[in-house]
Amino acid sequence: MKEDPYLESGRTEGNSEYMDEAILEDTRKSVSDARMGVGSGMLIQVKKALAAIKIGKYGICEVCGKPIDKARLKAYPQATTCLEHADDK
């Protein structure tokens, strides 16, 4: 409850006079949660790429072991897979 007051019981009682406000609040919560999920996923990818740099495997696909195309790394530096295996993870 401390991390996410939205989950507090009784939160909706007396909190919103109009249904539109309650729907707007729910939508904002959903958008916020989605953004946090995307941000967390990106952070994990960046950390994996930094770890690959430390061990000398940056730019090598972690699925097939082939080099990741330089254009892919330029556009998406935290890539840990080649384009062929991008959807495998």
N, C-alpha and C. Protein backbone atom coordinates (compact mmCIF):
# COMPACT_ATOMS: atom_id res chain seq x y z
N MET A 1 0.81 -1.20 0.00
CA MET A 1 0.00 0.00 0.00
C MET A 1 0.86 1.26 0.00
N LYS A 2 2.03 1.20 0.64
CA LYS A 2 2.90 2.37 0.69
C LYS A 2 3.45 2.69 -0.69
N GLU A 3 3.74 1.64 -1.49
CA GLU A 3 4.29 1.85 -2.82
C GLU A 3 3.24 2.33 -3.81
N ASP A 4 2.00 1.86 -3.66
CA ASP A 4 0.95 2.19 -4.61
C ASP A 4 -0.36 2.49 -3.88
N PRO A 5 -0.59 3.75 -3.52
CA PRO A 5 -1.81 4.12 -2.79
C PRO A 5 -3.09 3.80 -3.57
N TYR A 6 -2.97 3.61 -4.86
CA TYR A 6 -4.13 3.27 -5.69
C TYR A 6 -4.79 1.99 -5.22
N LEU A 7 -4.02 1.08 -4.63
CA LEU A 7 -4.52 -0.21 -4.20
C LEU A 7 -5.17 -0.17 -2.81
N GLU A 8 -5.14 0.96 -2.16
CA GLU A 8 -5.69 1.10 -0.81
C GLU A 8 -7.19 0.84 -0.81
N SER A 9 -7.64 0.04 0.14
CA SER A 9 -9.07 -0.25 0.21
C SER A 9 -9.84 1.01 0.59
N GLY A 10 -11.03 1.16 0.03
CA GLY A 10 -11.86 2.33 0.30
C GLY A 10 -11.44 3.57 -0.46
N ARG A 11 -10.50 3.43 -1.34
CA ARG A 11 -9.97 4.55 -2.09
C ARG A 11 -11.04 5.24 -2.92
N THR A 12 -12.00 4.48 -3.42
CA THR A 12 -13.01 5.06 -4.32
C THR A 12 -14.17 5.70 -3.58
N GLU A 13 -14.32 5.44 -2.30
CA GLU A 13 -15.44 5.99 -1.53
C GLU A 13 -15.24 7.48 -1.29
N GLY A 14 -16.13 8.28 -1.80
CA GLY A 14 -16.06 9.72 -1.60
C GLY A 14 -14.92 10.38 -2.35
N ASN A 15 -14.28 9.63 -3.20
CA ASN A 15 -13.12 10.15 -3.91
C ASN A 15 -13.49 10.84 -5.22
N SER A 16 -14.59 10.42 -5.80
CA SER A 16 -14.95 10.96 -7.10
C SER A 16 -16.46 11.16 -7.18
N GLU A 17 -16.87 12.35 -7.53
CA GLU A 17 -18.30 12.63 -7.62
C GLU A 17 -18.90 12.11 -8.92
N TYR A 18 -18.13 12.10 -9.95
CA TYR A 18 -18.65 11.73 -11.26
C TYR A 18 -17.94 10.49 -11.78
N MET A 19 -18.68 9.66 -12.49
CA MET A 19 -18.13 8.44 -13.05
C MET A 19 -16.97 8.74 -14.00
N ASP A 20 -17.07 9.85 -14.75
CA ASP A 20 -16.01 10.23 -15.69
C ASP A 20 -14.68 10.42 -14.97
N GLU A 21 -14.71 10.98 -13.80
CA GLU A 21 -13.49 11.20 -13.03
C GLU A 21 -12.89 9.87 -12.60
N ALA A 22 -13.71 8.93 -12.21
CA ALA A 22 -13.22 7.62 -11.80
C ALA A 22 -12.59 6.89 -12.98
N ILE A 23 -13.23 6.99 -14.13
CA ILE A 23 -12.68 6.35 -15.34
C ILE A 23 -11.36 7.00 -15.72
N LEU A 24 -11.29 8.31 -15.63
CA LEU A 24 -10.05 9.03 -15.94
C LEU A 24 -8.94 8.62 -14.99
N GLU A 25 -9.26 8.47 -13.72
CA GLU A 25 -8.27 8.05 -12.73
C GLU A 25 -7.76 6.64 -13.05
N ASP A 26 -8.68 5.73 -13.40
CA ASP A 26 -8.28 4.37 -13.75
C ASP A 26 -7.40 4.36 -15.00
N THR A 27 -7.73 5.20 -15.97
CA THR A 27 -6.94 5.27 -17.19
C THR A 27 -5.54 5.79 -16.90
N ARG A 28 -5.45 6.82 -16.08
CA ARG A 28 -4.13 7.37 -15.71
C ARG A 28 -3.29 6.31 -15.00
N LYS A 29 -3.92 5.54 -14.14
CA LYS A 29 -3.21 4.48 -13.43
C LYS A 29 -2.68 3.44 -14.41
N SER A 30 -3.50 3.05 -15.37
CA SER A 30 -3.09 2.06 -16.37
C SER A 30 -1.92 2.57 -17.20
N VAL A 31 -1.99 3.82 -17.61
CA VAL A 31 -0.91 4.42 -18.40
C VAL A 31 0.37 4.49 -17.57
N SER A 32 0.24 4.89 -16.33
CA SER A 32 1.40 4.97 -15.44
C SER A 32 2.05 3.60 -15.25
N ASP A 33 1.24 2.58 -15.02
CA ASP A 33 1.77 1.23 -14.86
C ASP A 33 2.46 0.74 -16.12
N ALA A 34 1.89 1.05 -17.27
CA ALA A 34 2.49 0.65 -18.55
C ALA A 34 3.84 1.32 -18.74
N ARG A 35 3.91 2.60 -18.43
CA ARG A 35 5.19 3.33 -18.56
C ARG A 35 6.25 2.75 -17.63
N MET A 36 5.84 2.41 -16.42
CA MET A 36 6.81 1.82 -15.48
C MET A 36 7.30 0.47 -16.00
N GLY A 37 6.41 -0.30 -16.59
CA GLY A 37 6.80 -1.60 -17.13
C GLY A 37 7.79 -1.46 -18.28
N VAL A 38 7.53 -0.52 -19.16
CA VAL A 38 8.42 -0.27 -20.29
C VAL A 38 9.77 0.22 -19.78
N GLY A 39 9.75 1.14 -18.84
CA GLY A 39 10.99 1.66 -18.28
C GLY A 39 11.81 0.58 -17.59
N SER A 40 11.15 -0.29 -16.86
CA SER A 40 11.85 -1.38 -16.19
C SER A 40 12.48 -2.33 -17.20
N GLY A 41 11.74 -2.63 -18.27
CA GLY A 41 12.27 -3.51 -19.31
C GLY A 41 13.49 -2.91 -19.99
N MET A 42 13.43 -1.61 -20.26
CA MET A 42 14.57 -0.94 -20.89
C MET A 42 15.78 -0.93 -19.97
N LEU A 43 15.55 -0.72 -18.69
CA LEU A 43 16.66 -0.72 -17.73
C LEU A 43 17.34 -2.09 -17.68
N ILE A 44 16.55 -3.14 -17.72
CA ILE A 44 17.12 -4.49 -17.73
C ILE A 44 17.98 -4.69 -18.97
N GLN A 45 17.48 -4.25 -20.13
CA GLN A 45 18.24 -4.40 -21.38
C GLN A 45 19.56 -3.62 -21.32
N VAL A 46 19.52 -2.42 -20.77
CA VAL A 46 20.74 -1.61 -20.66
C VAL A 46 21.74 -2.29 -19.73
N LYS A 47 21.27 -2.82 -18.62
CA LYS A 47 22.16 -3.51 -17.69
C LYS A 47 22.78 -4.75 -18.32
N LYS A 48 22.00 -5.48 -19.12
CA LYS A 48 22.52 -6.66 -19.80
C LYS A 48 23.59 -6.26 -20.82
N ALA A 49 23.36 -5.17 -21.54
CA ALA A 49 24.33 -4.69 -22.52
C ALA A 49 25.62 -4.23 -21.82
N LEU A 50 25.49 -3.55 -20.70
CA LEU A 50 26.67 -3.11 -19.95
C LEU A 50 27.46 -4.30 -19.42
N ALA A 51 26.75 -5.33 -18.98
CA ALA A 51 27.43 -6.55 -18.52
C ALA A 51 28.16 -7.22 -19.68
N ALA A 52 27.55 -7.21 -20.87
CA ALA A 52 28.19 -7.79 -22.05
C ALA A 52 29.46 -7.02 -22.41
N ILE A 53 29.44 -5.71 -22.23
CA ILE A 53 30.63 -4.90 -22.48
C ILE A 53 31.74 -5.32 -21.52
N LYS A 54 31.40 -5.49 -20.24
CA LYS A 54 32.40 -5.85 -19.23
C LYS A 54 33.08 -7.18 -19.54
N ILE A 55 32.32 -8.14 -20.07
CA ILE A 55 32.92 -9.45 -20.32
C ILE A 55 33.37 -9.61 -21.77
N GLY A 56 33.29 -8.52 -22.54
CA GLY A 56 33.79 -8.55 -23.92
C GLY A 56 32.87 -9.21 -24.92
N LYS A 57 31.58 -9.28 -24.61
CA LYS A 57 30.65 -9.93 -25.53
C LYS A 57 29.60 -8.97 -26.08
N TYR A 58 29.85 -7.67 -25.94
CA TYR A 58 28.90 -6.70 -26.49
C TYR A 58 28.90 -6.80 -28.01
N GLY A 59 27.71 -6.77 -28.58
CA GLY A 59 27.58 -6.85 -30.04
C GLY A 59 27.49 -8.27 -30.55
N ILE A 60 27.44 -9.24 -29.64
CA ILE A 60 27.30 -10.65 -30.00
C ILE A 60 25.92 -11.11 -29.55
N CYS A 61 25.18 -11.73 -30.46
CA CYS A 61 23.83 -12.21 -30.14
C CYS A 61 23.91 -13.27 -29.05
N GLU A 62 23.12 -13.10 -28.00
CA GLU A 62 23.15 -14.06 -26.90
C GLU A 62 22.38 -15.34 -27.23
N VAL A 63 21.68 -15.37 -28.36
CA VAL A 63 20.96 -16.59 -28.77
C VAL A 63 21.83 -17.44 -29.71
N CYS A 64 22.32 -16.83 -30.79
CA CYS A 64 23.06 -17.61 -31.79
C CYS A 64 24.56 -17.40 -31.76
N GLY A 65 25.04 -16.36 -31.09
CA GLY A 65 26.47 -16.11 -30.98
C GLY A 65 27.07 -15.37 -32.16
N LYS A 66 26.24 -14.97 -33.11
CA LYS A 66 26.73 -14.23 -34.27
C LYS A 66 26.76 -12.74 -33.94
N PRO A 67 27.60 -11.96 -34.66
CA PRO A 67 27.65 -10.52 -34.42
C PRO A 67 26.31 -9.85 -34.73
N ILE A 68 25.97 -8.88 -33.89
CA ILE A 68 24.77 -8.07 -34.11
C ILE A 68 25.14 -6.98 -35.11
N ASP A 69 24.28 -6.76 -36.09
CA ASP A 69 24.53 -5.77 -37.13
C ASP A 69 24.80 -4.40 -36.49
N LYS A 70 25.81 -3.70 -37.01
CA LYS A 70 26.19 -2.39 -36.45
C LYS A 70 25.06 -1.37 -36.56
N ALA A 71 24.26 -1.45 -37.61
CA ALA A 71 23.13 -0.51 -37.76
C ALA A 71 22.12 -0.74 -36.64
N ARG A 72 21.90 -2.01 -36.25
CA ARG A 72 20.98 -2.32 -35.15
C ARG A 72 21.52 -1.75 -33.85
N LEU A 73 22.81 -1.93 -33.61
CA LEU A 73 23.40 -1.41 -32.38
C LEU A 73 23.39 0.12 -32.35
N LYS A 74 23.54 0.73 -33.51
CA LYS A 74 23.50 2.19 -33.56
C LYS A 74 22.10 2.70 -33.22
N ALA A 75 21.09 2.02 -33.74
CA ALA A 75 19.71 2.43 -33.48
C ALA A 75 19.22 2.00 -32.11
N TYR A 76 19.74 0.88 -31.63
CA TYR A 76 19.27 0.27 -30.36
C TYR A 76 20.49 -0.28 -29.62
N PRO A 77 21.29 0.60 -29.00
CA PRO A 77 22.57 0.20 -28.40
C PRO A 77 22.46 -0.88 -27.32
N GLN A 78 21.30 -1.02 -26.70
CA GLN A 78 21.15 -2.01 -25.64
C GLN A 78 20.73 -3.38 -26.18
N ALA A 79 20.73 -3.55 -27.52
CA ALA A 79 20.36 -4.83 -28.12
C ALA A 79 21.30 -5.93 -27.65
N THR A 80 20.73 -7.06 -27.28
CA THR A 80 21.54 -8.21 -26.87
C THR A 80 21.32 -9.40 -27.80
N THR A 81 20.48 -9.19 -28.82
CA THR A 81 20.24 -10.23 -29.81
C THR A 81 20.31 -9.62 -31.21
N CYS A 82 20.61 -10.46 -32.19
CA CYS A 82 20.58 -10.01 -33.57
C CYS A 82 19.12 -9.81 -33.98
N LEU A 83 18.91 -9.20 -35.12
CA LEU A 83 17.56 -8.91 -35.58
C LEU A 83 16.76 -10.19 -35.78
N GLU A 84 17.44 -11.25 -36.24
CA GLU A 84 16.77 -12.53 -36.47
C GLU A 84 16.16 -13.10 -35.17
N HIS A 85 16.81 -12.86 -34.05
CA HIS A 85 16.36 -13.41 -32.77
C HIS A 85 15.72 -12.36 -31.84
N ALA A 86 15.42 -11.20 -32.39
CA ALA A 86 14.86 -10.11 -31.56
C ALA A 86 13.54 -10.50 -30.91
N ASP A 87 12.75 -11.31 -31.57
CA ASP A 87 11.44 -11.68 -31.02
C ASP A 87 11.51 -12.94 -30.17
N ASP A 88 12.66 -13.59 -30.08
CA ASP A 88 12.80 -14.83 -29.31
C ASP A 88 12.84 -14.60 -27.81
N LYS A 89 13.06 -13.39 -27.40
CA LYS A 89 13.24 -13.12 -25.96
C LYS A 89 11.98 -12.64 -25.33
